[in-house]
Amino acid sequence: MNKVIWPYGISLKLWADSLVSDFGEECLPKLEDEKQWQDWGSQVAGTGIFLRASVPPPVTYTKGVKNEVFKEWDKWAKTVFRIMSDDYSSTDLNLTR
């Protein structure tokens, strides 16, 4: 079972690389440019297990206007951690939502 690492005390690059590696079956894109983390995060949020778990994208676009839902990568990463941990713990315990 895959787990998301807690993003405290590590760099964005290390956290993103770990996510890509730990969820290899999802074929997540590699984060190439840390300045573009919001677009990368939106791709992650729209992929497979992250989409099914309702991970929010860090940025959305409405009529071409960018809306930053998360301005800091670590706040979005902590949200990813919490959602995925809740999703896994419910699955592990065979609980219904």
PDB file of N, CA and C in Angstrom:
ATOM      1  N   MET A   1       0.842  -1.183   0.000  1.00  0.00           N
ATOM      2  CA  MET A   1       0.000   0.000   0.000  1.00  0.00           C
ATOM      3  C   MET A   1       0.886   1.245   0.000  1.00  0.00           C
ATOM      4  N   ASN A   2       0.534   2.202  -0.814  1.00  0.00           N
ATOM      5  CA  ASN A   2       1.283   3.446  -0.910  1.00  0.00           C
ATOM      6  C   ASN A   2       0.844   4.414   0.172  1.00  0.00           C
ATOM      7  N   LYS A   3       1.773   5.182   0.652  1.00  0.00           N
ATOM      8  CA  LYS A   3       1.499   6.225   1.623  1.00  0.00           C
ATOM      9  C   LYS A   3       2.139   7.515   1.147  1.00  0.00           C
ATOM     10  N   VAL A   4       1.511   8.618   1.464  1.00  0.00           N
ATOM     11  CA  VAL A   4       2.063   9.933   1.157  1.00  0.00           C
ATOM     12  C   VAL A   4       2.926  10.344   2.344  1.00  0.00           C
ATOM     13  N   ILE A   5       4.135  10.836   2.074  1.00  0.00           N
ATOM     14  CA  ILE A   5       4.994  11.264   3.181  1.00  0.00           C
ATOM     15  C   ILE A   5       4.576  12.650   3.656  1.00  0.00           C
ATOM     16  N   TRP A   6       4.764  12.896   4.941  1.00  0.00           N
ATOM     17  CA  TRP A   6       4.446  14.192   5.546  1.00  0.00           C
ATOM     18  C   TRP A   6       5.456  15.212   5.038  1.00  0.00           C
ATOM     19  N   PRO A   7       4.983  16.358   4.537  1.00  0.00           N
ATOM     20  CA  PRO A   7       5.883  17.315   3.888  1.00  0.00           C
ATOM     21  C   PRO A   7       6.578  18.298   4.828  1.00  0.00           C
ATOM     22  N   TYR A   8       6.788  17.922   6.049  1.00  0.00           N
ATOM     23  CA  TYR A   8       7.444  18.823   6.998  1.00  0.00           C
ATOM     24  C   TYR A   8       8.947  18.560   7.020  1.00  0.00           C
ATOM     25  N   GLY A   9       9.720  19.613   6.880  1.00  0.00           N
ATOM     26  CA  GLY A   9      11.168  19.499   6.995  1.00  0.00           C
ATOM     27  C   GLY A   9      11.869  18.947   5.761  1.00  0.00           C
ATOM     28  N   ILE A  10      11.158  18.873   4.642  1.00  0.00           N
ATOM     29  CA  ILE A  10      11.783  18.421   3.400  1.00  0.00           C
ATOM     30  C   ILE A  10      11.488  19.444   2.308  1.00  0.00           C
ATOM     31  N   SER A  11      12.202  19.334   1.230  1.00  0.00           N
ATOM     32  CA  SER A  11      12.010  20.281   0.128  1.00  0.00           C
ATOM     33  C   SER A  11      10.838  19.854  -0.751  1.00  0.00           C
ATOM     34  N   LEU A  12      10.329  20.791  -1.496  1.00  0.00           N
ATOM     35  CA  LEU A  12       9.282  20.510  -2.470  1.00  0.00           C
ATOM     36  C   LEU A  12       9.753  19.434  -3.434  1.00  0.00           C
ATOM     37  N   LYS A  13      10.956  19.557  -3.930  1.00  0.00           N
ATOM     38  CA  LYS A  13      11.491  18.605  -4.905  1.00  0.00           C
ATOM     39  C   LYS A  13      11.513  17.184  -4.347  1.00  0.00           C
ATOM     40  N   LEU A  14      11.986  17.024  -3.114  1.00  0.00           N
ATOM     41  CA  LEU A  14      12.038  15.701  -2.499  1.00  0.00           C
ATOM     42  C   LEU A  14      10.632  15.143  -2.297  1.00  0.00           C
ATOM     43  N   TRP A  15       9.712  15.982  -1.823  1.00  0.00           N
ATOM     44  CA  TRP A  15       8.336  15.517  -1.609  1.00  0.00           C
ATOM     45  C   TRP A  15       7.698  15.097  -2.933  1.00  0.00           C
ATOM     46  N   ALA A  16       7.858  15.925  -3.961  1.00  0.00           N
ATOM     47  CA  ALA A  16       7.278  15.619  -5.274  1.00  0.00           C
ATOM     48  C   ALA A  16       7.886  14.347  -5.862  1.00  0.00           C
ATOM     49  N   ASP A  17       9.206  14.203  -5.756  1.00  0.00           N
ATOM     50  CA  ASP A  17       9.870  12.998  -6.266  1.00  0.00           C
ATOM     51  C   ASP A  17       9.384  11.755  -5.524  1.00  0.00           C
ATOM     52  N   SER A  18       9.183  11.885  -4.223  1.00  0.00           N
ATOM     53  CA  SER A  18       8.679  10.760  -3.428  1.00  0.00           C
ATOM     54  C   SER A  18       7.268  10.379  -3.847  1.00  0.00           C
ATOM     55  N   LEU A  19       6.436  11.375  -4.098  1.00  0.00           N
ATOM     56  CA  LEU A  19       5.063  11.114  -4.520  1.00  0.00           C
ATOM     57  C   LEU A  19       5.046  10.372  -5.859  1.00  0.00           C
ATOM     58  N   VAL A  20       5.848  10.842  -6.795  1.00  0.00           N
ATOM     59  CA  VAL A  20       5.935  10.200  -8.114  1.00  0.00           C
ATOM     60  C   VAL A  20       6.437   8.769  -7.981  1.00  0.00           C
ATOM     61  N   SER A  21       7.448   8.576  -7.154  1.00  0.00           N
ATOM     62  CA  SER A  21       8.016   7.244  -6.958  1.00  0.00           C
ATOM     63  C   SER A  21       7.048   6.317  -6.223  1.00  0.00           C
ATOM     64  N   ASP A  22       6.449   6.807  -5.154  1.00  0.00           N
ATOM     65  CA  ASP A  22       5.563   5.973  -4.334  1.00  0.00           C
ATOM     66  C   ASP A  22       4.275   5.596  -5.048  1.00  0.00           C
ATOM     67  N   PHE A  23       3.870   6.406  -6.006  1.00  0.00           N
ATOM     68  CA  PHE A  23       2.647   6.138  -6.761  1.00  0.00           C
ATOM     69  C   PHE A  23       2.986   5.890  -8.231  1.00  0.00           C
ATOM     70  N   GLY A  24       4.000   5.079  -8.452  1.00  0.00           N
ATOM     71  CA  GLY A  24       4.480   4.785  -9.803  1.00  0.00           C
ATOM     72  C   GLY A  24       3.408   4.271 -10.737  1.00  0.00           C
ATOM     73  N   GLU A  25       2.455   3.512 -10.201  1.00  0.00           N
ATOM     74  CA  GLU A  25       1.380   2.962 -11.032  1.00  0.00           C
ATOM     75  C   GLU A  25       0.444   4.045 -11.573  1.00  0.00           C
ATOM     76  N   GLU A  26       0.510   5.236 -11.006  1.00  0.00           N
ATOM     77  CA  GLU A  26      -0.336   6.342 -11.466  1.00  0.00           C
ATOM     78  C   GLU A  26       0.284   7.109 -12.630  1.00  0.00           C
ATOM     79  N   CYS A  27       1.542   6.849 -12.924  1.00  0.00           N
ATOM     80  CA  CYS A  27       2.259   7.537 -14.014  1.00  0.00           C
ATOM     81  C   CYS A  27       2.193   9.057 -13.858  1.00  0.00           C
ATOM     82  N   LEU A  28       2.466   9.524 -12.650  1.00  0.00           N
ATOM     83  CA  LEU A  28       2.460  10.964 -12.382  1.00  0.00           C
ATOM     84  C   LEU A  28       3.626  11.635 -13.091  1.00  0.00           C
ATOM     85  N   PRO A  29       3.422  12.873 -13.533  1.00  0.00           N
ATOM     86  CA  PRO A  29       4.532  13.588 -14.163  1.00  0.00           C
ATOM     87  C   PRO A  29       5.558  14.003 -13.099  1.00  0.00           C
ATOM     88  N   LYS A  30       6.800  14.092 -13.516  1.00  0.00           N
ATOM     89  CA  LYS A  30       7.865  14.557 -12.630  1.00  0.00           C
ATOM     90  C   LYS A  30       7.806  16.082 -12.559  1.00  0.00           C
ATOM     91  N   LEU A  31       8.015  16.619 -11.377  1.00  0.00           N
ATOM     92  CA  LEU A  31       8.075  18.070 -11.213  1.00  0.00           C
ATOM     93  C   LEU A  31       9.433  18.548 -11.706  1.00  0.00           C
ATOM     94  N   GLU A  32       9.436  19.234 -12.831  1.00  0.00           N
ATOM     95  CA  GLU A  32      10.689  19.711 -13.430  1.00  0.00           C
ATOM     96  C   GLU A  32      11.076  21.101 -12.929  1.00  0.00           C
ATOM     97  N   ASP A  33      10.087  21.972 -12.755  1.00  0.00           N
ATOM     98  CA  ASP A  33      10.333  23.361 -12.379  1.00  0.00           C
ATOM     99  C   ASP A  33       9.525  23.678 -11.126  1.00  0.00           C
ATOM    100  N   GLU A  34      10.203  23.873 -10.020  1.00  0.00           N
ATOM    101  CA  GLU A  34       9.512  24.124  -8.753  1.00  0.00           C
ATOM    102  C   GLU A  34       8.617  25.361  -8.809  1.00  0.00           C
ATOM    103  N   LYS A  35       8.925  26.299  -9.688  1.00  0.00           N
ATOM    104  CA  LYS A  35       8.085  27.496  -9.823  1.00  0.00           C
ATOM    105  C   LYS A  35       6.726  27.152 -10.425  1.00  0.00           C
ATOM    106  N   GLN A  36       6.651  25.999 -11.073  1.00  0.00           N
ATOM    107  CA  GLN A  36       5.406  25.555 -11.711  1.00  0.00           C
ATOM    108  C   GLN A  36       4.693  24.485 -10.874  1.00  0.00           C
ATOM    109  N   TRP A  37       4.926  24.447  -9.573  1.00  0.00           N
ATOM    110  CA  TRP A  37       4.379  23.381  -8.731  1.00  0.00           C
ATOM    111  C   TRP A  37       2.852  23.350  -8.750  1.00  0.00           C
ATOM    112  N   GLN A  38       2.202  24.513  -8.882  1.00  0.00           N
ATOM    113  CA  GLN A  38       0.735  24.529  -8.874  1.00  0.00           C
ATOM    114  C   GLN A  38       0.155  23.797 -10.089  1.00  0.00           C
ATOM    115  N   ASP A  39       0.752  24.013 -11.237  1.00  0.00           N
ATOM    116  CA  ASP A  39       0.281  23.314 -12.433  1.00  0.00           C
ATOM    117  C   ASP A  39       0.559  21.819 -12.316  1.00  0.00           C
ATOM    118  N   TRP A  40       1.741  21.466 -11.803  1.00  0.00           N
ATOM    119  CA  TRP A  40       2.069  20.064 -11.576  1.00  0.00           C
ATOM    120  C   TRP A  40       1.082  19.441 -10.583  1.00  0.00           C
ATOM    121  N   GLY A  41       0.830  20.148  -9.494  1.00  0.00           N
ATOM    122  CA  GLY A  41      -0.103  19.653  -8.483  1.00  0.00           C
ATOM    123  C   GLY A  41      -1.504  19.472  -9.030  1.00  0.00           C
ATOM    124  N   SER A  42      -1.910  20.339  -9.930  1.00  0.00           N
ATOM    125  CA  SER A  42      -3.225  20.199 -10.555  1.00  0.00           C
ATOM    126  C   SER A  42      -3.281  18.945 -11.422  1.00  0.00           C
ATOM    127  N   GLN A  43      -2.171  18.622 -12.078  1.00  0.00           N
ATOM    128  CA  GLN A  43      -2.108  17.378 -12.847  1.00  0.00           C
ATOM    129  C   GLN A  43      -2.207  16.174 -11.919  1.00  0.00           C
ATOM    130  N   VAL A  44      -1.506  16.223 -10.805  1.00  0.00           N
ATOM    131  CA  VAL A  44      -1.559  15.136  -9.825  1.00  0.00           C
ATOM    132  C   VAL A  44      -2.987  14.978  -9.310  1.00  0.00           C
ATOM    133  N   ALA A  45      -3.619  16.087  -8.935  1.00  0.00           N
ATOM    134  CA  ALA A  45      -4.975  16.042  -8.381  1.00  0.00           C
ATOM    135  C   ALA A  45      -5.981  15.469  -9.375  1.00  0.00           C
ATOM    136  N   GLY A  46      -5.702  15.595 -10.643  1.00  0.00           N
ATOM    137  CA  GLY A  46      -6.609  15.095 -11.675  1.00  0.00           C
ATOM    138  C   GLY A  46      -6.286  13.696 -12.159  1.00  0.00           C
ATOM    139  N   THR A  47      -5.411  12.994 -11.436  1.00  0.00           N
ATOM    140  CA  THR A  47      -4.958  11.679 -11.866  1.00  0.00           C
ATOM    141  C   THR A  47      -5.425  10.571 -10.924  1.00  0.00           C
ATOM    142  N   GLY A  48      -5.997   9.528 -11.500  1.00  0.00           N
ATOM    143  CA  GLY A  48      -6.274   8.265 -10.828  1.00  0.00           C
ATOM    144  C   GLY A  48      -6.761   8.332  -9.397  1.00  0.00           C
ATOM    145  N   ILE A  49      -5.954   7.773  -8.502  1.00  0.00           N
ATOM    146  CA  ILE A  49      -6.329   7.643  -7.105  1.00  0.00           C
ATOM    147  C   ILE A  49      -6.521   8.999  -6.428  1.00  0.00           C
ATOM    148  N   PHE A  50      -5.771  10.002  -6.845  1.00  0.00           N
ATOM    149  CA  PHE A  50      -5.891  11.342  -6.268  1.00  0.00           C
ATOM    150  C   PHE A  50      -7.222  11.983  -6.674  1.00  0.00           C
ATOM    151  N   LEU A  51      -7.619  11.768  -7.902  1.00  0.00           N
ATOM    152  CA  LEU A  51      -8.907  12.255  -8.387  1.00  0.00           C
ATOM    153  C   LEU A  51     -10.041  11.548  -7.648  1.00  0.00           C
ATOM    154  N   ARG A  52      -9.945  10.225  -7.522  1.00  0.00           N
ATOM    155  CA  ARG A  52     -10.988   9.459  -6.828  1.00  0.00           C
ATOM    156  C   ARG A  52     -11.099   9.837  -5.356  1.00  0.00           C
ATOM    157  N   ALA A  53      -9.982  10.251  -4.743  1.00  0.00           N
ATOM    158  CA  ALA A  53      -9.982  10.655  -3.338  1.00  0.00           C
ATOM    159  C   ALA A  53     -10.377  12.122  -3.157  1.00  0.00           C
ATOM    160  N   SER A  54     -10.655  12.812  -4.260  1.00  0.00           N
ATOM    161  CA  SER A  54     -11.055  14.232  -4.244  1.00  0.00           C
ATOM    162  C   SER A  54      -9.973  15.164  -3.710  1.00  0.00           C
ATOM    163  N   VAL A  55      -8.720  14.894  -4.078  1.00  0.00           N
ATOM    164  CA  VAL A  55      -7.637  15.814  -3.745  1.00  0.00           C
ATOM    165  C   VAL A  55      -7.868  17.095  -4.542  1.00  0.00           C
ATOM    166  N   PRO A  56      -7.909  18.249  -3.878  1.00  0.00           N
ATOM    167  CA  PRO A  56      -8.154  19.493  -4.608  1.00  0.00           C
ATOM    168  C   PRO A  56      -6.925  19.950  -5.390  1.00  0.00           C
ATOM    169  N   PRO A  57      -7.143  20.531  -6.546  1.00  0.00           N
ATOM    170  CA  PRO A  57      -6.001  21.091  -7.281  1.00  0.00           C
ATOM    171  C   PRO A  57      -5.539  22.372  -6.588  1.00  0.00           C
ATOM    172  N   PRO A  58      -4.250  22.662  -6.622  1.00  0.00           N
ATOM    173  CA  PRO A  58      -3.771  23.889  -6.003  1.00  0.00           C
ATOM    174  C   PRO A  58      -4.151  25.150  -6.771  1.00  0.00           C
ATOM    175  N   VAL A  59      -4.528  24.976  -8.031  1.00  0.00           N
ATOM    176  CA  VAL A  59      -4.923  26.119  -8.846  1.00  0.00           C
ATOM    177  C   VAL A  59      -6.032  25.678  -9.799  1.00  0.00           C
ATOM    178  N   THR A  60      -6.981  26.557 -10.001  1.00  0.00           N
ATOM    179  CA  THR A  60      -8.048  26.303 -10.961  1.00  0.00           C
ATOM    180  C   THR A  60      -8.131  27.491 -11.916  1.00  0.00           C
ATOM    181  N   TYR A  61      -8.788  27.264 -13.028  1.00  0.00           N
ATOM    182  CA  TYR A  61      -8.983  28.328 -14.016  1.00  0.00           C
ATOM    183  C   TYR A  61     -10.469  28.423 -14.334  1.00  0.00           C
ATOM    184  N   THR A  62     -11.020  29.614 -14.222  1.00  0.00           N
ATOM    185  CA  THR A  62     -12.404  29.862 -14.578  1.00  0.00           C
ATOM    186  C   THR A  62     -12.428  30.965 -15.624  1.00  0.00           C
ATOM    187  N   LYS A  63     -12.899  30.609 -16.802  1.00  0.00           N
ATOM    188  CA  LYS A  63     -12.938  31.562 -17.923  1.00  0.00           C
ATOM    189  C   LYS A  63     -11.575  32.207 -18.140  1.00  0.00           C
ATOM    190  N   GLY A  64     -10.538  31.393 -18.031  1.00  0.00           N
ATOM    191  CA  GLY A  64      -9.188  31.873 -18.273  1.00  0.00           C
ATOM    192  C   GLY A  64      -8.551  32.629 -17.120  1.00  0.00           C
ATOM    193  N   VAL A  65      -9.260  32.767 -16.016  1.00  0.00           N
ATOM    194  CA  VAL A  65      -8.724  33.482 -14.864  1.00  0.00           C
ATOM    195  C   VAL A  65      -8.209  32.469 -13.845  1.00  0.00           C
ATOM    196  N   LYS A  66      -6.966  32.654 -13.452  1.00  0.00           N
ATOM    197  CA  LYS A  66      -6.316  31.747 -12.506  1.00  0.00           C
ATOM    198  C   LYS A  66      -6.773  32.029 -11.087  1.00  0.00           C
ATOM    199  N   ASN A  67      -7.173  30.965 -10.383  1.00  0.00           N
ATOM    200  CA  ASN A  67      -7.558  31.072  -8.983  1.00  0.00           C
ATOM    201  C   ASN A  67      -6.620  30.190  -8.170  1.00  0.00           C
ATOM    202  N   GLU A  68      -5.774  30.815  -7.342  1.00  0.00           N
ATOM    203  CA  GLU A  68      -4.847  30.059  -6.513  1.00  0.00           C
ATOM    204  C   GLU A  68      -5.574  29.547  -5.275  1.00  0.00           C
ATOM    205  N   VAL A  69      -5.887  28.273  -5.259  1.00  0.00           N
ATOM    206  CA  VAL A  69      -6.545  27.660  -4.120  1.00  0.00           C
ATOM    207  C   VAL A  69      -5.524  27.483  -2.991  1.00  0.00           C
ATOM    208  N   PHE A  70      -4.304  27.105  -3.353  1.00  0.00           N
ATOM    209  CA  PHE A  70      -3.186  26.982  -2.414  1.00  0.00           C
ATOM    210  C   PHE A  70      -2.031  27.792  -2.975  1.00  0.00           C
ATOM    211  N   LYS A  71      -1.529  28.748  -2.196  1.00  0.00           N
ATOM    212  CA  LYS A  71      -0.409  29.572  -2.644  1.00  0.00           C
ATOM    213  C   LYS A  71       0.935  28.994  -2.221  1.00  0.00           C
ATOM    214  N   GLU A  72       0.914  28.134  -1.200  1.00  0.00           N
ATOM    215  CA  GLU A  72       2.145  27.540  -0.687  1.00  0.00           C
ATOM    216  C   GLU A  72       2.092  26.033  -0.883  1.00  0.00           C
ATOM    217  N   TRP A  73       3.153  25.477  -1.435  1.00  0.00           N
ATOM    218  CA  TRP A  73       3.161  24.052  -1.775  1.00  0.00           C
ATOM    219  C   TRP A  73       2.948  23.157  -0.566  1.00  0.00           C
ATOM    220  N   ASP A  74       3.544  23.546   0.580  1.00  0.00           N
ATOM    221  CA  ASP A  74       3.462  22.652   1.731  1.00  0.00           C
ATOM    222  C   ASP A  74       2.052  22.576   2.309  1.00  0.00           C
ATOM    223  N   LYS A  75       1.279  23.631   2.171  1.00  0.00           N
ATOM    224  CA  LYS A  75      -0.114  23.571   2.637  1.00  0.00           C
ATOM    225  C   LYS A  75      -0.924  22.625   1.753  1.00  0.00           C
ATOM    226  N   TRP A  76      -0.685  22.672   0.447  1.00  0.00           N
ATOM    227  CA  TRP A  76      -1.367  21.736  -0.441  1.00  0.00           C
ATOM    228  C   TRP A  76      -0.900  20.309  -0.152  1.00  0.00           C
ATOM    229  N   ALA A  77       0.404  20.126   0.040  1.00  0.00           N
ATOM    230  CA  ALA A  77       0.951  18.793   0.306  1.00  0.00           C
ATOM    231  C   ALA A  77       0.391  18.215   1.603  1.00  0.00           C
ATOM    232  N   LYS A  78       0.213  19.037   2.616  1.00  0.00           N
ATOM    233  CA  LYS A  78      -0.385  18.556   3.869  1.00  0.00           C
ATOM    234  C   LYS A  78      -1.840  18.151   3.652  1.00  0.00           C
ATOM    235  N   THR A  79      -2.533  18.867   2.787  1.00  0.00           N
ATOM    236  CA  THR A  79      -3.906  18.500   2.448  1.00  0.00           C
ATOM    237  C   THR A  79      -3.928  17.154   1.721  1.00  0.00           C
ATOM    238  N   VAL A  80      -3.000  16.976   0.788  1.00  0.00           N
ATOM    239  CA  VAL A  80      -2.884  15.694   0.084  1.00  0.00           C
ATOM    240  C   VAL A  80      -2.633  14.578   1.098  1.00  0.00           C
ATOM    241  N   PHE A  81      -1.716  14.803   2.011  1.00  0.00           N
ATOM    242  CA  PHE A  81      -1.405  13.804   3.031  1.00  0.00           C
ATOM    243  C   PHE A  81      -2.650  13.438   3.836  1.00  0.00           C
ATOM    244  N   ARG A  82      -3.362  14.448   4.318  1.00  0.00           N
ATOM    245  CA  ARG A  82      -4.546  14.187   5.154  1.00  0.00           C
ATOM    246  C   ARG A  82      -5.632  13.432   4.386  1.00  0.00           C
ATOM    247  N   ILE A  83      -5.894  13.850   3.174  1.00  0.00           N
ATOM    248  CA  ILE A  83      -6.931  13.178   2.377  1.00  0.00           C
ATOM    249  C   ILE A  83      -6.536  11.743   2.083  1.00  0.00           C
ATOM    250  N   MET A  84      -5.316  11.553   1.648  1.00  0.00           N
ATOM    251  CA  MET A  84      -4.895  10.211   1.277  1.00  0.00           C
ATOM    252  C   MET A  84      -4.780   9.311   2.508  1.00  0.00           C
ATOM    253  N   SER A  85      -4.393   9.869   3.644  1.00  0.00           N
ATOM    254  CA  SER A  85      -4.335   9.081   4.873  1.00  0.00           C
ATOM    255  C   SER A  85      -5.733   8.672   5.306  1.00  0.00           C
ATOM    256  N   ASP A  86      -6.695   9.596   5.222  1.00  0.00           N
ATOM    257  CA  ASP A  86      -8.088   9.276   5.557  1.00  0.00           C
ATOM    258  C   ASP A  86      -8.627   8.227   4.608  1.00  0.00           C
ATOM    259  N   ASP A  87      -8.321   8.383   3.310  1.00  0.00           N
ATOM    260  CA  ASP A  87      -8.798   7.440   2.310  1.00  0.00           C
ATOM    261  C   ASP A  87      -8.251   6.046   2.592  1.00  0.00           C
ATOM    262  N   TYR A  88      -6.966   5.970   2.904  1.00  0.00           N
ATOM    263  CA  TYR A  88      -6.350   4.673   3.170  1.00  0.00           C
ATOM    264  C   TYR A  88      -6.851   4.073   4.469  1.00  0.00           C
ATOM    265  N   SER A  89      -6.988   4.891   5.516  1.00  0.00           N
ATOM    266  CA  SER A  89      -7.408   4.318   6.788  1.00  0.00           C
ATOM    267  C   SER A  89      -8.824   3.784   6.690  1.00  0.00           C
ATOM    268  N   SER A  90      -9.680   4.446   5.935  1.00  0.00           N
ATOM    269  CA  SER A  90     -11.034   3.946   5.745  1.00  0.00           C
ATOM    270  C   SER A  90     -11.016   2.649   4.954  1.00  0.00           C
ATOM    271  N   THR A  91     -10.152   2.582   3.960  1.00  0.00           N
ATOM    272  CA  THR A  91     -10.033   1.371   3.152  1.00  0.00           C
ATOM    273  C   THR A  91      -9.452   0.241   3.996  1.00  0.00           C
ATOM    274  N   ASP A  92      -8.424   0.572   4.768  1.00  0.00           N
ATOM    275  CA  ASP A  92      -7.770  -0.453   5.583  1.00  0.00           C
ATOM    276  C   ASP A  92      -8.732  -1.070   6.582  1.00  0.00           C
ATOM    277  N   LEU A  93      -9.598  -0.267   7.142  1.00  0.00           N
ATOM    278  CA  LEU A  93     -10.507  -0.747   8.175  1.00  0.00           C
ATOM    279  C   LEU A  93     -11.831  -1.243   7.606  1.00  0.00           C
ATOM    280  N   ASN A  94     -11.960  -1.175   6.278  1.00  0.00           N
ATOM    281  CA  ASN A  94     -13.193  -1.587   5.615  1.00  0.00           C
ATOM    282  C   ASN A  94     -14.410  -0.838   6.136  1.00  0.00           C
ATOM    283  N   LEU A  95     -14.243   0.436   6.392  1.00  0.00           N
ATOM    284  CA  LEU A  95     -15.340   1.270   6.864  1.00  0.00           C
ATOM    285  C   LEU A  95     -16.037   1.911   5.684  1.00  0.00           C
ATOM    286  N   THR A  96     -17.304   2.153   5.814  1.00  0.00           N
ATOM    287  CA  THR A  96     -18.015   2.892   4.779  1.00  0.00           C
ATOM    288  C   THR A  96     -18.010   4.352   5.167  1.00  0.00           C
ATOM    289  N   ARG A  97     -18.042   5.193   4.182  1.00  0.00           N
ATOM    290  CA  ARG A  97     -18.045   6.641   4.449  1.00  0.00           C
ATOM    291  C   ARG A  97     -19.446   7.140   4.630  1.00  0.00           C
TER     292      ARG A  97
END
